[in-house]
Amino acid sequence: MSITQDLRKRINFQGEFDELLIDVCREYSLGKFVSFEIIEMGYEDVNIKLTTGKGNYFIKIFAEKRDDSECLRLINVVKIALDNGVSHPQFLLKDTGYIFRGRYEDFNIRLAVFEFIDGKTYYELKKAPSKDELKEIIKMAAAINSIDYKTADLYDSWALVNYSKELEKSRKYLETRELKVLDQLSKEFDKVDLKILPYSLVHGDLVSSNIMKAKDKIYFVDFSVANYYPRIVELAVLMADVMFDPTGKNSIDKQFKTLVSEYSKYIELSEEELKVLPLFIKLAHAMHLIRAAREKAKGNKSAENEHWLSLGKKGLEQSIASFK
């Protein structure tokens, strides 16, 4: 299978993927190597569907820029989420631990192996969750946000809490009329006292490409940017993609009421959270716009990046109109 140089650069690996995966098959007793397929989602790690004589497996090869502590951080967050009832593909554990290195120390290859879920993300399905599926997604989000676990700090350039910094980095790639709106949001955000908001473990990236629908279950995947944030960050991100209808048929106001109503069955939102949540939703849309615009300017022409760019523009426009 042809591997792009961009993907190779992510993990600093110029070797043969077949050889690497044959080693993984041997170390994890996965059966005879048959084939592999790159799952072209995300901006950092390299995700692979591995097919062997025993079945399919999911391989996450961590980005070269992640140090060992960051890789283990992800492992620990997923373990805690699983222990608290969140549906996520199970780890396959080898004798020496969750992370496999093999004979690739010189390339700094680190990877983890998971069960493969026979399903598709909502991004792949190109449709929104049903009412019952949405209820399950919100319930599972609340389960994550009920975990009082403070992770090691990790800077996420797509996280809305980093809005002001990322806006400055992206300013030269944005149009004047966009900047006027974005600068106003920055002023509003600067007035928010984040310290008075309730914090919890937050997945931080519950978008359509990270929520998978299988035959009998919904799974959350990719906890790479999970963090200890104000818990309403989770709700804002949900509203900015999974619960956002670009056509406007499902109004933002209606979806907002659904989100708050369902989430409050498990976690009661404070008055301050309800007050600033509309702003956070605007910021989540704005982050899609400013980060995707920067990615595009740097040469990222992927369908995924175009999706976030378009969604960010439409979402920002509609959310500003809805939350006046």
C-alpha atoms as a PDB file:
ATOM      1  CA  MET A   1       0.000   0.000   0.000  1.00  0.00           C
ATOM      2  CA  SER A   2       1.309   3.481  -0.891  1.00  0.00           C
ATOM      3  CA  ILE A   3       2.073   5.639   2.171  1.00  0.00           C
ATOM      4  CA  THR A   4       2.273   9.405   1.720  1.00  0.00           C
ATOM      5  CA  GLN A   5       5.339  11.289   2.898  1.00  0.00           C
ATOM      6  CA  ASP A   6       3.094  13.366   5.164  1.00  0.00           C
ATOM      7  CA  LEU A   7       2.068  10.249   7.072  1.00  0.00           C
ATOM      8  CA  ARG A   8       5.670   9.035   7.224  1.00  0.00           C
ATOM      9  CA  LYS A   9       6.790  12.398   8.594  1.00  0.00           C
ATOM     10  CA  ARG A  10       4.187  12.238  11.349  1.00  0.00           C
ATOM     11  CA  ILE A  11       5.864   9.176  12.822  1.00  0.00           C
ATOM     12  CA  ASN A  12       9.389   9.701  11.414  1.00  0.00           C
ATOM     13  CA  PHE A  13       9.401   6.321   9.689  1.00  0.00           C
ATOM     14  CA  GLN A  14      10.826   5.532   6.255  1.00  0.00           C
ATOM     15  CA  GLY A  15      10.873   1.768   6.699  1.00  0.00           C
ATOM     16  CA  GLU A  16       8.504  -0.876   5.386  1.00  0.00           C
ATOM     17  CA  PHE A  17       5.094  -0.895   7.062  1.00  0.00           C
ATOM     18  CA  ASP A  18       4.612  -4.554   6.163  1.00  0.00           C
ATOM     19  CA  GLU A  19       7.715  -5.502   8.155  1.00  0.00           C
ATOM     20  CA  LEU A  20       6.626  -3.416  11.126  1.00  0.00           C
ATOM     21  CA  LEU A  21       3.151  -4.942  11.174  1.00  0.00           C
ATOM     22  CA  ILE A  22       4.490  -8.472  10.748  1.00  0.00           C
ATOM     23  CA  ASP A  23       6.482  -7.847  13.933  1.00  0.00           C
ATOM     24  CA  VAL A  24       3.335  -6.591  15.663  1.00  0.00           C
ATOM     25  CA  CYS A  25       1.450  -9.717  14.596  1.00  0.00           C
ATOM     26  CA  ARG A  26       4.185 -11.905  16.072  1.00  0.00           C
ATOM     27  CA  GLU A  27       4.528  -9.971  19.336  1.00  0.00           C
ATOM     28  CA  TYR A  28       0.777  -9.864  19.990  1.00  0.00           C
ATOM     29  CA  SER A  29       0.012 -13.350  18.610  1.00  0.00           C
ATOM     30  CA  LEU A  30      -2.451 -11.852  16.137  1.00  0.00           C
ATOM     31  CA  GLY A  31      -2.030 -14.529  13.489  1.00  0.00           C
ATOM     32  CA  LYS A  32      -0.410 -14.313  10.083  1.00  0.00           C
ATOM     33  CA  PHE A  33      -0.175 -10.857   8.533  1.00  0.00           C
ATOM     34  CA  VAL A  34      -2.496 -10.430   5.550  1.00  0.00           C
ATOM     35  CA  SER A  35      -2.807  -6.719   4.751  1.00  0.00           C
ATOM     36  CA  PHE A  36      -3.250  -3.246   6.192  1.00  0.00           C
ATOM     37  CA  GLU A  37      -5.191  -0.106   5.403  1.00  0.00           C
ATOM     38  CA  ILE A  38      -4.444   3.454   6.488  1.00  0.00           C
ATOM     39  CA  ILE A  39      -7.380   5.163   8.198  1.00  0.00           C
ATOM     40  CA  GLU A  40      -6.952   8.688   6.891  1.00  0.00           C
ATOM     41  CA  MET A  41      -8.471  10.690   9.721  1.00  0.00           C
ATOM     42  CA  GLY A  42      -6.854  13.126  12.114  1.00  0.00           C
ATOM     43  CA  TYR A  43      -3.843  15.398  11.973  1.00  0.00           C
ATOM     44  CA  GLU A  44      -1.183  13.779  14.160  1.00  0.00           C
ATOM     45  CA  ASP A  45      -0.984  10.014  14.764  1.00  0.00           C
ATOM     46  CA  VAL A  46      -1.164   7.322  12.070  1.00  0.00           C
ATOM     47  CA  ASN A  47      -4.106   4.933  12.432  1.00  0.00           C
ATOM     48  CA  ILE A  48      -4.172   1.566  10.709  1.00  0.00           C
ATOM     49  CA  LYS A  49      -6.621  -1.264  10.140  1.00  0.00           C
ATOM     50  CA  LEU A  50      -4.587  -4.461  10.300  1.00  0.00           C
ATOM     51  CA  THR A  51      -5.974  -7.683   8.799  1.00  0.00           C
ATOM     52  CA  THR A  52      -4.517 -11.035   9.862  1.00  0.00           C
ATOM     53  CA  GLY A  53      -5.484 -14.684   9.660  1.00  0.00           C
ATOM     54  CA  LYS A  54      -7.379 -14.215  12.942  1.00  0.00           C
ATOM     55  CA  GLY A  55      -9.303 -11.073  12.015  1.00  0.00           C
ATOM     56  CA  ASN A  56      -8.993  -7.289  12.085  1.00  0.00           C
ATOM     57  CA  TYR A  57      -7.196  -5.065  14.587  1.00  0.00           C
ATOM     58  CA  PHE A  58      -6.735  -1.318  15.087  1.00  0.00           C
ATOM     59  CA  ILE A  59      -3.192   0.027  15.349  1.00  0.00           C
ATOM     60  CA  LYS A  60      -2.363   3.536  16.557  1.00  0.00           C
ATOM     61  CA  ILE A  61       1.192   4.635  15.772  1.00  0.00           C
ATOM     62  CA  PHE A  62       1.931   7.688  17.870  1.00  0.00           C
ATOM     63  CA  ALA A  63       3.221  10.854  16.243  1.00  0.00           C
ATOM     64  CA  GLU A  64       6.972  11.334  16.485  1.00  0.00           C
ATOM     65  CA  LYS A  65       6.488  14.649  18.288  1.00  0.00           C
ATOM     66  CA  ARG A  66       4.757  12.909  21.215  1.00  0.00           C
ATOM     67  CA  ASP A  67       7.149  11.947  23.988  1.00  0.00           C
ATOM     68  CA  ASP A  68       6.738   8.705  25.928  1.00  0.00           C
ATOM     69  CA  SER A  69       4.880  10.383  28.775  1.00  0.00           C
ATOM     70  CA  GLU A  70       2.291  11.728  26.331  1.00  0.00           C
ATOM     71  CA  CYS A  71       1.750   8.265  24.853  1.00  0.00           C
ATOM     72  CA  LEU A  72       1.279   6.780  28.318  1.00  0.00           C
ATOM     73  CA  ARG A  73      -1.006   9.672  29.179  1.00  0.00           C
ATOM     74  CA  LEU A  74      -3.395   8.566  26.428  1.00  0.00           C
ATOM     75  CA  ILE A  75      -3.232   4.956  27.615  1.00  0.00           C
ATOM     76  CA  ASN A  76      -4.101   5.962  31.177  1.00  0.00           C
ATOM     77  CA  VAL A  77      -6.997   8.204  30.131  1.00  0.00           C
ATOM     78  CA  VAL A  78      -8.540   5.433  28.021  1.00  0.00           C
ATOM     79  CA  LYS A  79      -8.140   2.916  30.868  1.00  0.00           C
ATOM     80  CA  ILE A  80      -9.928   5.272  33.264  1.00  0.00           C
ATOM     81  CA  ALA A  81     -12.701   5.952  30.739  1.00  0.00           C
ATOM     82  CA  LEU A  82     -13.216   2.221  30.184  1.00  0.00           C
ATOM     83  CA  ASP A  83     -13.312   1.623  33.956  1.00  0.00           C
ATOM     84  CA  ASN A  84     -16.084   4.206  34.211  1.00  0.00           C
ATOM     85  CA  GLY A  85     -18.362   2.651  31.618  1.00  0.00           C
ATOM     86  CA  VAL A  86     -17.337   4.591  28.502  1.00  0.00           C
ATOM     87  CA  SER A  87     -17.429   2.471  25.343  1.00  0.00           C
ATOM     88  CA  HIS A  88     -14.022   2.436  23.687  1.00  0.00           C
ATOM     89  CA  PRO A  89     -12.185  -0.326  21.812  1.00  0.00           C
ATOM     90  CA  GLN A  90     -10.332  -2.558  24.280  1.00  0.00           C
ATOM     91  CA  PHE A  91      -6.541  -2.632  24.460  1.00  0.00           C
ATOM     92  CA  LEU A  92      -4.578  -5.685  23.495  1.00  0.00           C
ATOM     93  CA  LEU A  93      -1.875  -6.012  26.139  1.00  0.00           C
ATOM     94  CA  LYS A  94       1.498  -7.597  25.519  1.00  0.00           C
ATOM     95  CA  ASP A  95       3.812  -8.834  28.260  1.00  0.00           C
ATOM     96  CA  THR A  96       5.924  -5.692  28.419  1.00  0.00           C
ATOM     97  CA  GLY A  97       3.004  -3.251  28.526  1.00  0.00           C
ATOM     98  CA  TYR A  98       0.559  -1.417  26.326  1.00  0.00           C
ATOM     99  CA  ILE A  99       3.072   0.310  24.068  1.00  0.00           C
ATOM    100  CA  PHE A 100       5.084  -1.669  21.523  1.00  0.00           C
ATOM    101  CA  ARG A 101       8.512  -0.594  20.274  1.00  0.00           C
ATOM    102  CA  GLY A 102       9.999  -3.753  18.813  1.00  0.00           C
ATOM    103  CA  ARG A 103      13.224  -3.233  16.886  1.00  0.00           C
ATOM    104  CA  TYR A 104      12.329   0.308  15.804  1.00  0.00           C
ATOM    105  CA  GLU A 105      13.983   2.314  18.595  1.00  0.00           C
ATOM    106  CA  ASP A 106      16.002   4.313  16.053  1.00  0.00           C
ATOM    107  CA  PHE A 107      12.770   5.600  14.486  1.00  0.00           C
ATOM    108  CA  ASN A 108      11.211   6.207  17.936  1.00  0.00           C
ATOM    109  CA  ILE A 109       8.223   4.106  16.875  1.00  0.00           C
ATOM    110  CA  ARG A 110       5.612   3.705  19.618  1.00  0.00           C
ATOM    111  CA  LEU A 111       2.279   2.068  18.964  1.00  0.00           C
ATOM    112  CA  ALA A 112      -0.695   0.518  20.724  1.00  0.00           C
ATOM    113  CA  VAL A 113      -2.990  -2.263  19.526  1.00  0.00           C
ATOM    114  CA  PHE A 114      -6.760  -2.281  20.033  1.00  0.00           C
ATOM    115  CA  GLU A 115      -9.658  -4.500  19.101  1.00  0.00           C
ATOM    116  CA  PHE A 116     -11.155  -3.478  15.784  1.00  0.00           C
ATOM    117  CA  ILE A 117     -14.740  -2.249  15.888  1.00  0.00           C
ATOM    118  CA  ASP A 118     -16.814  -3.240  12.884  1.00  0.00           C
ATOM    119  CA  GLY A 119     -18.601   0.033  12.405  1.00  0.00           C
ATOM    120  CA  LYS A 120     -18.291   3.503  10.935  1.00  0.00           C
ATOM    121  CA  THR A 121     -17.909   6.986  12.345  1.00  0.00           C
ATOM    122  CA  TYR A 122     -20.715   9.470  11.822  1.00  0.00           C
ATOM    123  CA  TYR A 123     -18.306  11.385   9.586  1.00  0.00           C
ATOM    124  CA  GLU A 124     -18.069   8.321   7.342  1.00  0.00           C
ATOM    125  CA  LEU A 125     -21.802   7.702   7.517  1.00  0.00           C
ATOM    126  CA  LYS A 126     -22.473  11.302   6.458  1.00  0.00           C
ATOM    127  CA  LYS A 127     -25.506  11.487   8.705  1.00  0.00           C
ATOM    128  CA  ALA A 128     -26.452  12.731  12.136  1.00  0.00           C
ATOM    129  CA  PRO A 129     -27.193  10.402  15.048  1.00  0.00           C
ATOM    130  CA  SER A 130     -30.822   9.411  15.638  1.00  0.00           C
ATOM    131  CA  LYS A 131     -32.587  10.773  18.737  1.00  0.00           C
ATOM    132  CA  ASP A 132     -31.844   7.611  20.709  1.00  0.00           C
ATOM    133  CA  GLU A 133     -28.225   7.558  19.536  1.00  0.00           C
ATOM    134  CA  LEU A 134     -27.822  11.197  20.495  1.00  0.00           C
ATOM    135  CA  LYS A 135     -29.161  10.451  23.973  1.00  0.00           C
ATOM    136  CA  GLU A 136     -26.571   7.686  24.332  1.00  0.00           C
ATOM    137  CA  ILE A 137     -23.788  10.000  23.137  1.00  0.00           C
ATOM    138  CA  ILE A 138     -24.748  12.683  25.658  1.00  0.00           C
ATOM    139  CA  LYS A 139     -25.039  10.083  28.435  1.00  0.00           C
ATOM    140  CA  MET A 140     -21.547   8.781  27.661  1.00  0.00           C
ATOM    141  CA  ALA A 141     -20.152  12.335  27.505  1.00  0.00           C
ATOM    142  CA  ALA A 142     -21.604  12.946  30.966  1.00  0.00           C
ATOM    143  CA  ALA A 143     -19.932   9.720  32.160  1.00  0.00           C
ATOM    144  CA  ILE A 144     -16.559  11.112  31.081  1.00  0.00           C
ATOM    145  CA  ASN A 145     -17.299  14.461  32.702  1.00  0.00           C
ATOM    146  CA  SER A 146     -18.182  12.700  35.958  1.00  0.00           C
ATOM    147  CA  ILE A 147     -14.565  11.557  36.254  1.00  0.00           C
ATOM    148  CA  ASP A 148     -12.570  13.872  38.485  1.00  0.00           C
ATOM    149  CA  TYR A 149      -9.197  12.928  37.047  1.00  0.00           C
ATOM    150  CA  LYS A 150      -6.633  15.610  36.397  1.00  0.00           C
ATOM    151  CA  THR A 151      -4.446  14.675  33.473  1.00  0.00           C
ATOM    152  CA  ALA A 152      -0.997  16.046  32.825  1.00  0.00           C
ATOM    153  CA  ASP A 153      -1.291  19.287  30.884  1.00  0.00           C
ATOM    154  CA  LEU A 154      -1.359  18.936  27.104  1.00  0.00           C
ATOM    155  CA  TYR A 155      -1.619  21.864  24.728  1.00  0.00           C
ATOM    156  CA  ASP A 156      -4.224  21.273  22.013  1.00  0.00           C
ATOM    157  CA  SER A 157      -4.159  23.816  19.202  1.00  0.00           C
ATOM    158  CA  TRP A 158      -7.812  22.995  18.343  1.00  0.00           C
ATOM    159  CA  ALA A 159      -9.130  23.408  21.901  1.00  0.00           C
ATOM    160  CA  LEU A 160     -11.423  26.388  22.395  1.00  0.00           C
ATOM    161  CA  VAL A 161      -9.725  27.261  25.702  1.00  0.00           C
ATOM    162  CA  ASN A 162      -6.709  28.223  23.558  1.00  0.00           C
ATOM    163  CA  TYR A 163      -8.812  30.386  21.268  1.00  0.00           C
ATOM    164  CA  SER A 164      -7.015  33.711  21.678  1.00  0.00           C
ATOM    165  CA  LYS A 165      -3.541  32.249  21.090  1.00  0.00           C
ATOM    166  CA  GLU A 166      -4.636  30.290  18.027  1.00  0.00           C
ATOM    167  CA  LEU A 167      -6.476  33.270  16.565  1.00  0.00           C
ATOM    168  CA  GLU A 168      -3.246  35.271  16.590  1.00  0.00           C
ATOM    169  CA  LYS A 169      -1.379  32.426  14.863  1.00  0.00           C
ATOM    170  CA  SER A 170      -4.052  32.196  12.159  1.00  0.00           C
ATOM    171  CA  ARG A 171      -4.772  35.903  11.678  1.00  0.00           C
ATOM    172  CA  LYS A 172      -2.889  36.258   8.387  1.00  0.00           C
ATOM    173  CA  TYR A 173      -4.864  33.393   6.839  1.00  0.00           C
ATOM    174  CA  LEU A 174      -8.295  34.877   7.556  1.00  0.00           C
ATOM    175  CA  GLU A 175     -10.442  37.397   5.727  1.00  0.00           C
ATOM    176  CA  THR A 176     -11.020  40.886   7.142  1.00  0.00           C
ATOM    177  CA  ARG A 177     -14.756  40.340   7.615  1.00  0.00           C
ATOM    178  CA  GLU A 178     -14.052  37.078   9.462  1.00  0.00           C
ATOM    179  CA  LEU A 179     -11.511  38.740  11.721  1.00  0.00           C
ATOM    180  CA  LYS A 180     -14.015  41.365  12.812  1.00  0.00           C
ATOM    181  CA  VAL A 181     -16.302  38.637  14.167  1.00  0.00           C
ATOM    182  CA  LEU A 182     -13.474  36.556  15.566  1.00  0.00           C
ATOM    183  CA  ASP A 183     -11.911  39.511  17.384  1.00  0.00           C
ATOM    184  CA  GLN A 184     -15.242  40.307  19.015  1.00  0.00           C
ATOM    185  CA  LEU A 185     -15.468  36.716  20.266  1.00  0.00           C
ATOM    186  CA  SER A 186     -11.963  37.066  21.659  1.00  0.00           C
ATOM    187  CA  LYS A 187     -13.019  40.127  23.664  1.00  0.00           C
ATOM    188  CA  GLU A 188     -16.022  38.260  25.056  1.00  0.00           C
ATOM    189  CA  PHE A 189     -13.924  35.226  25.921  1.00  0.00           C
ATOM    190  CA  ASP A 190     -11.354  37.357  27.757  1.00  0.00           C
ATOM    191  CA  LYS A 191     -14.115  38.421  30.154  1.00  0.00           C
ATOM    192  CA  VAL A 192     -14.907  34.832  31.179  1.00  0.00           C
ATOM    193  CA  ASP A 193     -13.390  33.690  34.465  1.00  0.00           C
ATOM    194  CA  LEU A 194     -12.594  30.067  33.650  1.00  0.00           C
ATOM    195  CA  LYS A 195     -11.622  29.354  37.258  1.00  0.00           C
ATOM    196  CA  ILE A 196     -15.213  29.583  38.505  1.00  0.00           C
ATOM    197  CA  LEU A 197     -16.436  26.935  36.054  1.00  0.00           C
ATOM    198  CA  PRO A 198     -16.598  23.278  37.172  1.00  0.00           C
ATOM    199  CA  TYR A 199     -13.706  21.220  35.769  1.00  0.00           C
ATOM    200  CA  SER A 200     -13.531  17.519  34.950  1.00  0.00           C
ATOM    201  CA  LEU A 201     -11.967  15.057  32.572  1.00  0.00           C
ATOM    202  CA  VAL A 202     -13.058  16.076  29.067  1.00  0.00           C
ATOM    203  CA  HIS A 203     -12.593  14.070  25.871  1.00  0.00           C
ATOM    204  CA  GLY A 204     -12.245  17.405  24.100  1.00  0.00           C
ATOM    205  CA  ASP A 205     -12.786  16.139  20.565  1.00  0.00           C
ATOM    206  CA  LEU A 206     -16.214  14.507  20.443  1.00  0.00           C
ATOM    207  CA  VAL A 207     -16.741  15.229  16.780  1.00  0.00           C
ATOM    208  CA  SER A 208     -18.289  13.043  14.086  1.00  0.00           C
ATOM    209  CA  SER A 209     -14.944  11.472  13.166  1.00  0.00           C
ATOM    210  CA  ASN A 210     -14.383  10.288  16.751  1.00  0.00           C
ATOM    211  CA  ILE A 211     -17.808   8.784  17.459  1.00  0.00           C
ATOM    212  CA  MET A 212     -18.378   5.375  15.949  1.00  0.00           C
ATOM    213  CA  LYS A 213     -21.628   3.527  15.383  1.00  0.00           C
ATOM    214  CA  ALA A 214     -21.405  -0.261  15.450  1.00  0.00           C
ATOM    215  CA  LYS A 215     -24.214  -2.758  15.088  1.00  0.00           C
ATOM    216  CA  ASP A 216     -25.181  -2.769  18.766  1.00  0.00           C
ATOM    217  CA  LYS A 217     -23.199   0.034  20.356  1.00  0.00           C
ATOM    218  CA  ILE A 218     -21.754   3.532  20.100  1.00  0.00           C
ATOM    219  CA  TYR A 219     -18.051   4.014  20.775  1.00  0.00           C
ATOM    220  CA  PHE A 220     -15.933   7.061  21.549  1.00  0.00           C
ATOM    221  CA  VAL A 221     -12.453   6.868  20.032  1.00  0.00           C
ATOM    222  CA  ASP A 222      -9.249   8.927  20.057  1.00  0.00           C
ATOM    223  CA  PHE A 223      -8.740  10.389  23.533  1.00  0.00           C
ATOM    224  CA  SER A 224      -5.440  11.924  22.365  1.00  0.00           C
ATOM    225  CA  VAL A 225      -6.396  15.469  23.388  1.00  0.00           C
ATOM    226  CA  ALA A 226      -8.436  14.592  26.488  1.00  0.00           C
ATOM    227  CA  ASN A 227      -7.751  17.131  29.200  1.00  0.00           C
ATOM    228  CA  TYR A 228      -8.819  18.626  32.502  1.00  0.00           C
ATOM    229  CA  TYR A 229     -11.026  21.437  31.234  1.00  0.00           C
ATOM    230  CA  PRO A 230     -14.246  23.238  32.128  1.00  0.00           C
ATOM    231  CA  ARG A 231     -16.742  20.443  31.472  1.00  0.00           C
ATOM    232  CA  ILE A 232     -18.895  22.592  29.191  1.00  0.00           C
ATOM    233  CA  VAL A 233     -16.085  22.406  26.627  1.00  0.00           C
ATOM    234  CA  GLU A 234     -17.439  18.905  25.947  1.00  0.00           C
ATOM    235  CA  LEU A 235     -20.939  20.248  25.302  1.00  0.00           C
ATOM    236  CA  ALA A 236     -19.724  23.063  23.072  1.00  0.00           C
ATOM    237  CA  VAL A 237     -17.759  20.638  20.894  1.00  0.00           C
ATOM    238  CA  LEU A 238     -20.786  18.338  20.579  1.00  0.00           C
ATOM    239  CA  MET A 239     -22.934  21.295  19.507  1.00  0.00           C
ATOM    240  CA  ALA A 240     -20.363  22.412  16.938  1.00  0.00           C
ATOM    241  CA  ASP A 241     -20.463  19.220  14.870  1.00  0.00           C
ATOM    242  CA  VAL A 242     -22.434  16.135  15.938  1.00  0.00           C
ATOM    243  CA  MET A 243     -25.418  18.273  16.936  1.00  0.00           C
ATOM    244  CA  PHE A 244     -25.037  20.928  14.268  1.00  0.00           C
ATOM    245  CA  ASP A 245     -27.171  20.798  11.132  1.00  0.00           C
ATOM    246  CA  PRO A 246     -25.629  22.974   8.384  1.00  0.00           C
ATOM    247  CA  THR A 247     -28.960  23.010   6.536  1.00  0.00           C
ATOM    248  CA  GLY A 248     -30.663  24.706   9.471  1.00  0.00           C
ATOM    249  CA  LYS A 249     -33.533  22.188   9.544  1.00  0.00           C
ATOM    250  CA  ASN A 250     -32.641  21.291  13.129  1.00  0.00           C
ATOM    251  CA  SER A 251     -32.240  24.697  14.719  1.00  0.00           C
ATOM    252  CA  ILE A 252     -29.382  25.440  17.086  1.00  0.00           C
ATOM    253  CA  ASP A 253     -31.896  26.571  19.697  1.00  0.00           C
ATOM    254  CA  LYS A 254     -33.716  23.221  19.551  1.00  0.00           C
ATOM    255  CA  GLN A 255     -30.495  21.229  19.735  1.00  0.00           C
ATOM    256  CA  PHE A 256     -29.271  23.387  22.615  1.00  0.00           C
ATOM    257  CA  LYS A 257     -32.392  22.608  24.629  1.00  0.00           C
ATOM    258  CA  THR A 258     -32.025  18.892  23.865  1.00  0.00           C
ATOM    259  CA  LEU A 259     -28.383  18.897  24.944  1.00  0.00           C
ATOM    260  CA  VAL A 260     -29.009  20.698  28.237  1.00  0.00           C
ATOM    261  CA  SER A 261     -32.079  18.611  29.030  1.00  0.00           C
ATOM    262  CA  GLU A 262     -30.371  15.273  28.390  1.00  0.00           C
ATOM    263  CA  TYR A 263     -27.076  16.193  30.027  1.00  0.00           C
ATOM    264  CA  SER A 264     -28.867  17.490  33.133  1.00  0.00           C
ATOM    265  CA  LYS A 265     -30.243  13.996  33.734  1.00  0.00           C
ATOM    266  CA  TYR A 266     -26.720  13.053  34.802  1.00  0.00           C
ATOM    267  CA  ILE A 267     -24.969  16.329  35.659  1.00  0.00           C
ATOM    268  CA  GLU A 268     -26.708  19.524  36.719  1.00  0.00           C
ATOM    269  CA  LEU A 269     -25.223  22.545  34.997  1.00  0.00           C
ATOM    270  CA  SER A 270     -24.519  25.628  37.080  1.00  0.00           C
ATOM    271  CA  GLU A 271     -25.992  29.044  36.302  1.00  0.00           C
ATOM    272  CA  GLU A 272     -22.556  30.267  35.231  1.00  0.00           C
ATOM    273  CA  GLU A 273     -22.133  27.329  32.871  1.00  0.00           C
ATOM    274  CA  LEU A 274     -25.519  27.959  31.255  1.00  0.00           C
ATOM    275  CA  LYS A 275     -24.620  31.622  30.921  1.00  0.00           C
ATOM    276  CA  VAL A 276     -21.358  31.091  29.037  1.00  0.00           C
ATOM    277  CA  LEU A 277     -22.204  27.909  27.105  1.00  0.00           C
ATOM    278  CA  PRO A 278     -23.575  29.833  24.069  1.00  0.00           C
ATOM    279  CA  LEU A 279     -20.267  31.697  23.832  1.00  0.00           C
ATOM    280  CA  PHE A 280     -18.328  28.435  24.086  1.00  0.00           C
ATOM    281  CA  ILE A 281     -20.393  27.013  21.223  1.00  0.00           C
ATOM    282  CA  LYS A 282     -19.482  29.999  19.053  1.00  0.00           C
ATOM    283  CA  LEU A 283     -15.842  29.529  20.014  1.00  0.00           C
ATOM    284  CA  ALA A 284     -15.950  25.833  19.084  1.00  0.00           C
ATOM    285  CA  HIS A 285     -17.211  26.766  15.602  1.00  0.00           C
ATOM    286  CA  ALA A 286     -14.635  29.535  15.386  1.00  0.00           C
ATOM    287  CA  MET A 287     -11.826  27.114  16.235  1.00  0.00           C
ATOM    288  CA  HIS A 288     -12.848  24.881  13.328  1.00  0.00           C
ATOM    289  CA  LEU A 289     -12.602  27.897  11.056  1.00  0.00           C
ATOM    290  CA  ILE A 290      -9.293  29.358  12.217  1.00  0.00           C
ATOM    291  CA  ARG A 291      -7.420  26.065  12.539  1.00  0.00           C
ATOM    292  CA  ALA A 292      -8.691  24.622   9.256  1.00  0.00           C
ATOM    293  CA  ALA A 293      -7.874  27.901   7.496  1.00  0.00           C
ATOM    294  CA  ARG A 294      -4.315  27.678   8.779  1.00  0.00           C
ATOM    295  CA  GLU A 295      -4.007  24.027   7.771  1.00  0.00           C
ATOM    296  CA  LYS A 296      -5.257  24.867   4.272  1.00  0.00           C
ATOM    297  CA  ALA A 297      -2.788  27.733   3.923  1.00  0.00           C
ATOM    298  CA  LYS A 298       0.008  25.309   4.798  1.00  0.00           C
ATOM    299  CA  GLY A 299      -1.034  22.919   2.055  1.00  0.00           C
ATOM    300  CA  ASN A 300      -3.564  20.615   3.697  1.00  0.00           C
ATOM    301  CA  LYS A 301      -6.106  19.981   0.947  1.00  0.00           C
ATOM    302  CA  SER A 302      -7.752  16.935   2.543  1.00  0.00           C
ATOM    303  CA  ALA A 303     -11.523  16.410   2.471  1.00  0.00           C
ATOM    304  CA  GLU A 304     -11.487  16.329   6.269  1.00  0.00           C
ATOM    305  CA  ASN A 305      -9.896  19.762   6.546  1.00  0.00           C
ATOM    306  CA  GLU A 306     -12.341  21.200   4.018  1.00  0.00           C
ATOM    307  CA  HIS A 307     -15.152  19.719   6.112  1.00  0.00           C
ATOM    308  CA  TRP A 308     -14.034  21.578   9.246  1.00  0.00           C
ATOM    309  CA  LEU A 309     -13.452  24.785   7.323  1.00  0.00           C
ATOM    310  CA  SER A 310     -16.954  24.746   5.816  1.00  0.00           C
ATOM    311  CA  LEU A 311     -18.577  23.634   9.064  1.00  0.00           C
ATOM    312  CA  GLY A 312     -16.776  26.329  11.010  1.00  0.00           C
ATOM    313  CA  LYS A 313     -17.967  29.105   8.700  1.00  0.00           C
ATOM    314  CA  LYS A 314     -21.596  27.924   8.629  1.00  0.00           C
ATOM    315  CA  GLY A 315     -21.672  27.133  12.339  1.00  0.00           C
ATOM    316  CA  LEU A 316     -20.236  30.461  13.363  1.00  0.00           C
ATOM    317  CA  GLU A 317     -22.754  32.325  11.250  1.00  0.00           C
ATOM    318  CA  GLN A 318     -25.739  30.337  12.524  1.00  0.00           C
ATOM    319  CA  SER A 319     -24.658  30.306  16.188  1.00  0.00           C
ATOM    320  CA  ILE A 320     -24.146  34.065  16.226  1.00  0.00           C
ATOM    321  CA  ALA A 321     -27.638  34.494  14.789  1.00  0.00           C
ATOM    322  CA  SER A 322     -29.120  32.093  17.361  1.00  0.00           C
ATOM    323  CA  PHE A 323     -27.326  33.339  20.489  1.00  0.00           C
ATOM    324  CA  LYS A 324     -27.658  37.112  20.480  1.00  0.00           C
END
